[in-house]
């Protein structure tokens, strides 16, 4: 049984599949199209993309060609970091609708509190304006859930203090060895689900000796250990793969890591990025 049949319930009552298929760094065109189509064929029902991945059109075409009913597929996209105003957010959202060939988006996120590569300016006012636009889209029924990505505690509090709808999701880098506990605990207290991108440490964790030791003990792959770890932390991992067999393995997570082995994994302390 694949974990894809299980769901988290967001703070607005919407169900979201517990494992999503990530498309970051998948090339637009054939690579993204084939990967998403294969992911849907093997059982994924949650696809994560972004305006700045430049592959929304390929994702949308794969979703359309899958012949799976639209309501059975959970689609996330993210607002480009350069957009930090109300009308620009509305316009960018409608461009994503067009590229994805859908009538609504399940989850729309502000991709980051910063803009471009400059992370020194957190654009507090701009993020408020973009989020207010997302609230309008939510209230109009054009998006079923809204949220944020790469927001720390201060960035998230800025949204909570100046808008009406509590974000449903905060998508952050989170994997064995990286411990952003402050923002995770803060979001859990506020009822904001943490989604974990780069759940395999951009692939580097697959060679980690502790993870391989635990994988051998449970007769699982290192990737499966990484993903199951995140699920047991109450977060939603977003693995990416262009290989069909690995896609299947990354969904086959119906085992439990015992507390003493979770403690071993907790003790890993490295950010290979």
Protein backbone atom coordinates (compact mmCIF):
# COMPACT_ATOMS: atom_id res chain seq x y z
CA UNK A 1 0.00 0.00 0.00
CA UNK A 2 1.38 3.40 -0.95
CA UNK A 3 1.31 6.37 1.42
CA UNK A 4 -0.23 8.44 -1.37
CA UNK A 5 -3.64 7.15 -0.28
CA UNK A 6 -3.25 9.04 3.03
CA UNK A 7 -3.90 12.72 3.59
CA UNK A 8 -3.21 15.61 5.89
CA UNK A 9 -6.15 17.91 6.58
CA UNK A 10 -5.24 21.59 6.25
CA UNK A 11 -6.53 24.21 8.67
CA UNK A 12 -9.39 25.05 6.29
CA UNK A 13 -10.56 21.40 6.08
CA UNK A 14 -9.01 20.64 2.69
CA UNK A 15 -7.32 17.25 2.29
CA UNK A 16 -3.83 17.16 0.78
CA UNK A 17 -1.95 13.95 -0.16
CA UNK A 18 0.84 13.26 2.35
CA UNK A 19 3.55 12.94 -0.31
CA UNK A 20 3.87 15.30 -3.25
CA UNK A 21 5.85 14.99 -6.47
CA UNK A 22 8.35 17.84 -6.77
CA UNK A 23 9.33 19.30 -10.15
CA UNK A 24 12.12 21.70 -9.15
CA UNK A 25 15.10 21.35 -11.53
CA UNK A 26 13.10 19.27 -14.02
CA UNK A 27 13.62 20.74 -17.48
CA UNK A 28 10.53 22.14 -19.16
CA UNK A 29 9.34 20.01 -22.04
CA UNK A 30 9.91 16.28 -22.33
CA UNK A 31 11.67 15.73 -18.98
CA UNK A 32 8.94 17.42 -16.93
CA UNK A 33 6.11 16.05 -19.06
CA UNK A 34 7.34 12.44 -18.91
CA UNK A 35 8.19 12.64 -15.20
CA UNK A 36 4.82 14.07 -14.16
CA UNK A 37 2.91 11.66 -16.40
CA UNK A 38 4.81 8.70 -14.95
CA UNK A 39 4.33 10.02 -11.41
CA UNK A 40 0.59 10.17 -11.96
CA UNK A 41 0.59 6.69 -13.49
CA UNK A 42 2.32 5.14 -10.45
CA UNK A 43 -0.02 6.80 -7.98
CA UNK A 44 1.02 10.36 -7.13
CA UNK A 45 -1.93 12.71 -6.81
CA UNK A 46 -0.08 15.78 -5.60
CA UNK A 47 2.12 17.73 -8.05
CA UNK A 48 4.24 20.70 -6.94
CA UNK A 49 5.51 23.31 -9.39
CA UNK A 50 6.25 27.05 -9.45
CA UNK A 51 6.25 29.97 -11.83
CA UNK A 52 10.04 30.19 -11.58
CA UNK A 53 10.54 26.50 -12.36
CA UNK A 54 9.48 27.47 -15.90
CA UNK A 55 7.72 24.12 -16.36
CA UNK A 56 4.07 24.86 -15.55
CA UNK A 57 3.03 24.29 -19.17
CA UNK A 58 4.65 20.85 -19.22
CA UNK A 59 3.05 19.97 -15.87
CA UNK A 60 -0.35 21.10 -17.11
CA UNK A 61 -0.09 19.10 -20.32
CA UNK A 62 0.89 15.95 -18.41
CA UNK A 63 -2.04 16.39 -16.02
CA UNK A 64 -4.39 16.85 -18.97
CA UNK A 65 -3.02 13.86 -20.88
CA UNK A 66 -3.15 11.60 -17.82
CA UNK A 67 -6.96 11.36 -18.22
CA UNK A 68 -7.23 11.40 -14.41
CA UNK A 69 -10.15 13.59 -13.31
CA UNK A 70 -8.94 17.05 -12.36
CA UNK A 71 -10.54 16.88 -8.93
CA UNK A 72 -8.39 13.85 -8.06
CA UNK A 73 -5.10 15.74 -8.61
CA UNK A 74 -3.79 18.29 -6.11
CA UNK A 75 -1.78 20.98 -7.91
CA UNK A 76 0.49 23.49 -6.17
CA UNK A 77 2.21 26.42 -7.80
CA UNK A 78 4.11 29.38 -6.39
CA UNK A 79 4.19 33.10 -7.07
CA UNK A 80 7.44 34.31 -8.64
CA UNK A 81 9.61 36.07 -6.07
CA UNK A 82 9.83 39.22 -8.20
CA UNK A 83 6.08 39.83 -7.77
CA UNK A 84 5.41 41.82 -4.59
CA UNK A 85 2.17 43.70 -5.23
CA UNK A 86 -1.57 43.07 -5.30
CA UNK A 87 -2.40 43.38 -9.00
CA UNK A 88 0.82 41.70 -10.11
CA UNK A 89 -0.12 38.70 -7.98
CA UNK A 90 -3.59 38.50 -9.51
CA UNK A 91 -2.13 38.71 -13.02
CA UNK A 92 0.57 36.12 -12.31
CA UNK A 93 -2.00 33.73 -10.88
CA UNK A 94 -4.15 33.91 -14.02
CA UNK A 95 -1.06 33.31 -16.15
CA UNK A 96 -0.41 30.14 -14.15
CA UNK A 97 -4.01 29.02 -14.68
CA UNK A 98 -3.51 29.44 -18.41
CA UNK A 99 -0.20 27.56 -18.49
CA UNK A 100 -1.49 24.72 -16.31
CA UNK A 101 -4.71 24.50 -18.39
CA UNK A 102 -6.89 24.39 -15.28
CA UNK A 103 -9.83 26.36 -13.89
CA UNK A 104 -8.51 26.48 -10.33
CA UNK A 105 -5.34 25.77 -8.37
CA UNK A 106 -5.39 23.71 -5.20
CA UNK A 107 -2.57 25.52 -3.40
CA UNK A 108 -0.94 28.85 -4.23
CA UNK A 109 2.15 29.93 -2.29
CA UNK A 110 4.33 33.03 -2.07
CA UNK A 111 7.58 31.42 -3.16
CA UNK A 112 9.81 33.41 -0.81
CA UNK A 113 9.73 36.55 1.33
CA UNK A 114 12.68 37.94 -0.64
CA UNK A 115 12.93 38.86 -4.32
CA UNK A 116 15.34 37.26 -6.78
CA UNK A 117 18.71 36.45 -5.24
CA UNK A 118 18.71 39.35 -2.78
CA UNK A 119 17.74 37.85 0.57
CA UNK A 120 18.62 40.90 2.67
CA UNK A 121 15.34 42.72 1.94
CA UNK A 122 12.32 40.73 3.21
CA UNK A 123 9.72 42.91 1.39
CA UNK A 124 7.29 42.97 4.31
CA UNK A 125 4.80 45.34 2.66
CA UNK A 126 5.03 43.58 -0.69
CA UNK A 127 4.40 40.19 0.88
CA UNK A 128 1.32 41.56 2.63
CA UNK A 129 -0.02 42.93 -0.66
CA UNK A 130 0.62 39.65 -2.48
CA UNK A 131 -1.00 37.64 0.30
CA UNK A 132 -4.06 39.92 0.31
CA UNK A 133 -4.41 39.24 -3.42
CA UNK A 134 -4.22 35.52 -2.68
CA UNK A 135 -6.98 35.97 -0.08
CA UNK A 136 -9.12 37.54 -2.80
CA UNK A 137 -8.47 34.59 -5.12
CA UNK A 138 -9.26 32.20 -2.26
CA UNK A 139 -12.53 33.96 -1.45
CA UNK A 140 -13.47 33.86 -5.14
CA UNK A 141 -12.91 30.09 -5.18
CA UNK A 142 -10.12 30.24 -7.75
CA UNK A 143 -7.68 28.65 -5.32
CA UNK A 144 -8.58 26.15 -2.59
CA UNK A 145 -5.69 26.90 -0.21
CA UNK A 146 -3.04 29.59 0.14
CA UNK A 147 0.26 29.79 1.93
CA UNK A 148 3.91 30.72 2.00
CA UNK A 149 7.31 29.23 1.28
CA UNK A 150 10.75 29.88 2.77
CA UNK A 151 9.19 32.11 5.46
CA UNK A 152 10.90 32.22 8.84
CA UNK A 153 9.07 33.06 12.08
CA UNK A 154 9.33 36.83 11.61
CA UNK A 155 8.17 36.64 7.98
CA UNK A 156 5.24 34.41 8.94
CA UNK A 157 4.23 36.64 11.87
CA UNK A 158 4.16 39.59 9.45
CA UNK A 159 1.49 37.77 7.42
CA UNK A 160 -0.48 36.74 10.51
CA UNK A 161 -0.47 40.30 11.87
CA UNK A 162 -1.61 42.01 8.67
CA UNK A 163 -3.97 39.63 6.85
CA UNK A 164 -7.10 37.63 7.62
CA UNK A 165 -6.54 34.01 6.53
CA UNK A 166 -3.98 31.93 8.40
CA UNK A 167 -1.69 30.32 5.81
CA UNK A 168 -2.52 26.68 5.22
CA UNK A 169 1.09 25.72 4.36
CA UNK A 170 4.69 26.87 4.77
CA UNK A 171 7.00 25.04 2.35
CA UNK A 172 10.61 25.02 3.57
CA UNK A 173 13.88 23.13 3.11
CA UNK A 174 13.75 20.29 5.63
CA UNK A 175 15.58 16.98 5.68
CA UNK A 176 17.60 14.74 7.98
CA UNK A 177 20.53 16.84 9.19
CA UNK A 178 18.79 20.21 8.72
CA UNK A 179 16.82 21.25 11.78
CA UNK A 180 14.77 24.45 11.27
CA UNK A 181 12.98 23.72 14.55
CA UNK A 182 11.99 27.27 15.42
CA UNK A 183 9.87 27.81 12.33
CA UNK A 184 8.53 24.23 12.39
CA UNK A 185 7.33 24.54 15.98
CA UNK A 186 5.90 28.01 15.34
CA UNK A 187 3.93 26.81 12.32
CA UNK A 188 2.66 23.72 14.13
CA UNK A 189 1.39 25.97 16.94
CA UNK A 190 -0.46 28.12 14.39
CA UNK A 191 -1.94 25.14 12.52
CA UNK A 192 0.23 25.70 9.44
CA UNK A 193 1.36 22.49 7.72
CA UNK A 194 5.07 22.23 6.95
CA UNK A 195 5.94 20.91 3.49
CA UNK A 196 9.53 19.70 3.14
CA UNK A 197 11.34 20.43 -0.10
CA UNK A 198 14.72 18.84 -0.88
CA UNK A 199 13.74 15.92 1.42
CA UNK A 200 16.76 13.91 0.23
CA UNK A 201 19.21 16.77 0.82
CA UNK A 202 19.48 17.32 -2.95
CA UNK A 203 20.49 13.65 -3.19
CA UNK A 204 23.50 13.91 -0.88
CA UNK A 205 21.78 12.10 2.00
CA UNK A 206 21.58 8.88 0.00
CA UNK A 207 25.26 8.28 0.80
CA UNK A 208 25.02 9.14 4.49
CA UNK A 209 26.32 6.19 6.58
CA UNK A 210 23.75 6.55 9.38
CA UNK A 211 20.85 6.67 6.94
CA UNK A 212 22.25 3.68 5.05
CA UNK A 213 22.62 1.78 8.32
CA UNK A 214 18.96 2.39 9.20
CA UNK A 215 17.87 1.59 5.64
CA UNK A 216 19.62 -1.78 5.75
CA UNK A 217 17.99 -2.58 9.09
CA UNK A 218 14.50 -1.85 7.76
CA UNK A 219 15.17 -3.32 4.30
CA UNK A 220 14.26 -0.02 2.67
CA UNK A 221 16.13 2.40 0.42
CA UNK A 222 17.91 5.41 1.95
CA UNK A 223 15.37 7.62 0.17
CA UNK A 224 12.49 5.76 1.81
CA UNK A 225 14.09 6.31 5.23
CA UNK A 226 14.47 10.05 4.52
CA UNK A 227 10.84 10.38 3.46
CA UNK A 228 9.39 8.23 6.24
CA UNK A 229 11.39 10.28 8.78
CA UNK A 230 9.69 13.46 7.56
CA UNK A 231 6.25 11.87 7.66
CA UNK A 232 6.80 10.80 11.24
CA UNK A 233 7.71 14.42 12.01
CA UNK A 234 4.25 15.41 10.78
CA UNK A 235 5.49 17.12 7.63
CA UNK A 236 4.81 16.63 3.94
CA UNK A 237 7.81 15.64 1.79
CA UNK A 238 8.14 16.59 -1.89
CA UNK A 239 10.54 14.09 -3.49
CA UNK A 240 11.57 14.44 -7.13
CA UNK A 241 12.75 11.74 -9.51
CA UNK A 242 12.81 11.19 -13.24
CA UNK A 243 13.04 7.40 -12.73
CA UNK A 244 9.82 5.42 -12.53
CA UNK A 245 11.07 2.75 -10.11
CA UNK A 246 12.31 5.40 -7.67
CA UNK A 247 8.96 7.16 -7.94
CA UNK A 248 7.28 3.95 -6.85
CA UNK A 249 9.75 3.42 -3.99
CA UNK A 250 9.25 7.01 -2.82
CA UNK A 251 5.53 6.31 -2.43
CA UNK A 252 5.95 2.95 -0.69
CA UNK A 253 6.34 4.19 2.86
CA UNK A 254 4.01 1.93 4.84
CA UNK A 255 6.53 1.10 7.57
CA UNK A 256 7.42 2.74 10.88
CA UNK A 257 10.85 3.85 12.08
CA UNK A 258 11.19 2.95 15.76
CA UNK A 259 11.93 5.73 18.29
CA UNK A 260 15.53 4.67 18.89
CA UNK A 261 16.25 4.83 15.17
CA UNK A 262 14.48 8.18 14.83
CA UNK A 263 16.87 9.37 17.54
CA UNK A 264 19.82 8.14 15.48
CA UNK A 265 18.54 10.11 12.50
CA UNK A 266 17.87 13.16 14.68
CA UNK A 267 21.56 13.11 15.64
CA UNK A 268 22.69 13.57 12.02
CA UNK A 269 23.84 17.17 11.74
CA UNK A 270 24.79 18.29 8.26
CA UNK A 271 23.47 20.47 5.45
CA UNK A 272 25.14 19.08 2.31
CA UNK A 273 23.81 21.92 0.18
